[in-house]
Structure formats: structure tokens, C-alpha cells
Amino acid sequence: MSKNTSSSAFRLVDVDQYNEDNYKDEEGEPQSPPIGIDENTVVSLINAGNSTEALKLLLQNSPMAPKGKNEQAKEATFNLVIKVLLAVNKSQMDQVIAGLDKALVDVLMKYIYRGFERPSEGSSAILLVWHEKVHAAGGVGCIVRVLTDRKRV
């Protein structure tokens, strides 16, 4: 026979705190737009043939927040990242991706998916090629981390 377990004294963890209705986004100080990164700097790096450095600079300083926060800075950075991605030749893509660490590859994949959400003229084909190359470098885990992360770029 089983004993009466109506007592909740055996609970060491309050599982009710993990209820989806009780979840609140992390409240931190709002991120400001990236300081010191402007379009002229990125364009000059691209023109100098240093797309890897331009992309690293943008990915390291990308504003990330839950959807709906800091939209202006995220939009400006997104436009610059797309400009860099479109400027890189297909033969240079592997070299650019090889210059990024694992965290930056994940951020790059976030920008690729955002580009899929809002395609511009001629960007979809290039983004598909970038997606293939980044997937080869980051694996399926890269895609899963991007799709499950609440912070958007």
C-alpha cells in the first residue's frame, strides 16, 4: 500500500516558479547602439578588401535584445551586415567564416535568418550560399542555438 503523499514537504525545488506564465524577460540596462561603428568605417574596410575585419567588427558589436527592444540600432547594424555579406565573393566566403570564432558564427547565422525574414533585391540567393557555408562550419547546433535564443539581432 502506498502512503498518503498530500504533503509537499518532500519538494526541494519549487517547480511552479518555472511555469511559462511566470516567465519574465531579463531586465538589464538597455544596450546603446554600437559606438564607433559607422557606415563609413565598414565601407572603407570593404573597399580595402578586408571584409573579414568588417564583418568581425559588426558581429562583435551587434546589439542583441529580445524582440521589440533597441530596434533602431539593430536595424542599422543589420543593413551594414547585409552590405558586407553581399560584397564578399563566393570564393572568399570560406576564408571569412574561418576567421570567425564559434560565437560569432552563431551571430552571423542570426543575421542570415533575419535576412531570410526580410529579403531585399538579390539577397536571397547570396544568403542561401552563406547559410550553406555557415552550416558547414557551425553544424546543426548553430541553427538550433539561433532558433532557440530569445535575443534577436
Protein backbone atom coordinates (compact mmCIF):
# COMPACT_ATOMS: atom_id res chain seq x y z
CA MET A 1 0.00 0.00 0.00
CA SER A 2 1.12 3.48 -0.68
CA LYS A 3 1.31 6.20 1.85
CA ASN A 4 -0.62 9.42 1.68
CA THR A 5 1.60 11.97 -0.07
CA SER A 6 -0.59 15.03 0.20
CA SER A 7 2.24 16.76 1.99
CA SER A 8 4.54 18.86 -0.19
CA ALA A 9 7.37 18.83 2.33
CA PHE A 10 9.32 16.45 0.09
CA ARG A 11 9.64 19.13 -2.57
CA LEU A 12 13.06 20.71 -2.52
CA VAL A 13 12.54 22.75 -5.69
CA ASP A 14 9.56 24.97 -6.33
CA VAL A 15 8.60 23.78 -9.80
CA ASP A 16 5.80 26.32 -10.03
CA GLN A 17 8.37 29.09 -10.49
CA TYR A 18 9.19 27.64 -13.92
CA ASN A 19 5.63 27.97 -15.18
CA GLU A 20 5.56 29.71 -18.55
CA ASP A 21 3.07 32.29 -17.25
CA ASN A 22 5.58 33.44 -14.62
CA TYR A 23 8.45 33.97 -17.10
CA LYS A 24 9.79 37.49 -17.47
CA ASP A 25 12.48 38.66 -19.88
CA GLU A 26 15.81 39.55 -18.39
CA GLU A 27 15.77 43.13 -17.26
CA GLY A 28 19.17 44.62 -17.85
CA GLU A 29 20.31 48.03 -18.81
CA PRO A 30 19.32 48.77 -22.38
CA GLN A 31 22.12 48.40 -24.86
CA SER A 32 23.08 51.51 -26.71
CA PRO A 33 23.88 51.47 -30.41
CA PRO A 34 27.41 50.32 -31.23
CA ILE A 35 29.78 53.18 -30.54
CA GLY A 36 32.39 53.99 -33.14
CA ILE A 37 30.95 51.79 -35.87
CA ASP A 38 29.52 53.77 -38.70
CA GLU A 39 28.86 53.03 -42.32
CA ASN A 40 31.99 54.87 -43.49
CA THR A 41 34.27 52.62 -41.42
CA VAL A 42 32.62 49.46 -42.74
CA VAL A 43 32.66 50.68 -46.35
CA SER A 44 36.33 51.63 -46.11
CA LEU A 45 37.18 48.14 -44.77
CA ILE A 46 35.22 46.55 -47.61
CA ASN A 47 36.92 48.73 -50.22
CA ALA A 48 40.32 47.85 -48.75
CA GLY A 49 39.49 44.17 -49.32
CA ASN A 50 39.22 43.43 -45.62
CA SER A 51 35.69 42.03 -45.46
CA THR A 52 36.63 39.67 -42.64
CA GLU A 53 37.56 42.54 -40.33
CA ALA A 54 34.44 44.49 -41.30
CA LEU A 55 32.24 41.50 -40.52
CA LYS A 56 34.06 40.76 -37.25
CA LEU A 57 33.67 44.37 -36.15
CA LEU A 58 29.94 44.31 -36.82
CA LEU A 59 29.32 40.90 -35.26
CA GLN A 60 31.30 41.66 -32.10
CA ASN A 61 29.38 44.89 -31.54
CA SER A 62 25.94 43.78 -32.69
CA PRO A 63 23.08 44.93 -30.48
CA MET A 64 21.16 41.92 -29.20
CA ALA A 65 17.97 42.18 -27.20
CA PRO A 66 14.60 40.48 -27.04
CA LYS A 67 12.32 41.30 -29.94
CA GLY A 68 10.97 44.84 -29.82
CA LYS A 69 13.88 46.39 -27.92
CA ASN A 70 16.59 48.60 -29.40
CA GLU A 71 15.12 48.25 -32.90
CA GLN A 72 16.83 51.28 -34.44
CA ALA A 73 20.35 50.13 -33.60
CA LYS A 74 19.53 46.56 -34.65
CA GLU A 75 18.18 47.76 -38.00
CA ALA A 76 21.25 49.91 -38.74
CA THR A 77 23.64 47.07 -37.90
CA PHE A 78 21.57 44.58 -39.92
CA ASN A 79 21.80 46.79 -43.01
CA LEU A 80 25.59 47.03 -42.64
CA VAL A 81 25.98 43.27 -42.16
CA ILE A 82 23.91 42.58 -45.28
CA LYS A 83 26.07 45.08 -47.18
CA VAL A 84 29.21 43.20 -46.11
CA LEU A 85 27.73 39.79 -46.92
CA LEU A 86 26.73 40.93 -50.39
CA ALA A 87 30.20 42.39 -51.01
CA VAL A 88 32.06 39.13 -50.33
CA ASN A 89 32.77 36.88 -53.32
CA LYS A 90 31.71 33.24 -53.15
CA SER A 91 35.34 32.16 -53.31
CA GLN A 92 36.18 34.23 -50.21
CA MET A 93 33.27 33.07 -48.03
CA ASP A 94 35.10 30.09 -46.53
CA GLN A 95 38.06 32.29 -45.64
CA VAL A 96 35.81 34.88 -43.97
CA ILE A 97 33.97 32.22 -41.96
CA ALA A 98 37.25 30.59 -40.93
CA GLY A 99 38.28 33.93 -39.38
CA LEU A 100 35.29 33.88 -37.02
CA ASP A 101 35.07 32.09 -33.68
CA LYS A 102 32.10 29.91 -32.70
CA ALA A 103 30.12 32.69 -31.00
CA LEU A 104 30.50 35.00 -33.99
CA VAL A 105 29.40 32.21 -36.35
CA ASP A 106 26.18 31.95 -34.33
CA VAL A 107 25.64 35.71 -34.54
CA LEU A 108 26.26 35.57 -38.30
CA MET A 109 23.63 32.84 -38.61
CA LYS A 110 21.19 35.09 -36.73
CA TYR A 111 21.74 37.81 -39.34
CA ILE A 112 21.29 35.29 -42.16
CA TYR A 113 17.93 34.21 -40.75
CA ARG A 114 16.89 37.82 -40.28
CA GLY A 115 17.82 38.38 -43.92
CA PHE A 116 15.54 35.48 -44.84
CA GLU A 117 12.70 37.17 -42.95
CA ARG A 118 13.05 40.38 -44.96
CA PRO A 119 14.66 39.66 -48.32
CA SER A 120 15.89 42.51 -50.47
CA GLU A 121 16.64 42.60 -54.18
CA GLY A 122 19.19 39.89 -54.99
CA SER A 123 19.99 38.98 -51.39
CA SER A 124 18.14 35.66 -51.09
CA ALA A 125 20.49 33.67 -53.33
CA ILE A 126 23.59 35.06 -51.60
CA LEU A 127 22.09 34.40 -48.16
CA LEU A 128 21.39 30.79 -49.13
CA VAL A 129 25.04 30.34 -50.10
CA TRP A 130 26.13 31.98 -46.82
CA HIS A 131 23.73 29.68 -44.92
CA GLU A 132 25.27 26.62 -46.55
CA LYS A 133 28.81 27.74 -45.71
CA VAL A 134 27.98 28.75 -42.12
CA HIS A 135 26.09 25.48 -41.59
CA ALA A 136 29.16 23.58 -42.77
CA ALA A 137 31.30 25.50 -40.25
CA GLY A 138 28.90 25.59 -37.30
CA GLY A 139 26.88 22.43 -37.79
CA VAL A 140 23.28 21.81 -36.84
CA GLY A 141 23.97 23.10 -33.33
CA CYS A 142 24.50 26.57 -34.76
CA ILE A 143 21.00 26.55 -36.26
CA VAL A 144 19.43 25.20 -33.07
CA ARG A 145 21.15 27.84 -30.93
CA VAL A 146 19.94 30.61 -33.23
CA LEU A 147 16.35 29.41 -33.39
CA THR A 148 16.04 28.90 -29.64
CA ASP A 149 17.74 32.10 -28.50
CA ARG A 150 15.34 34.77 -27.28
CA LYS A 151 17.78 37.57 -28.09
CA ARG A 152 17.40 38.82 -31.63
CA VAL A 153 19.68 40.86 -33.83
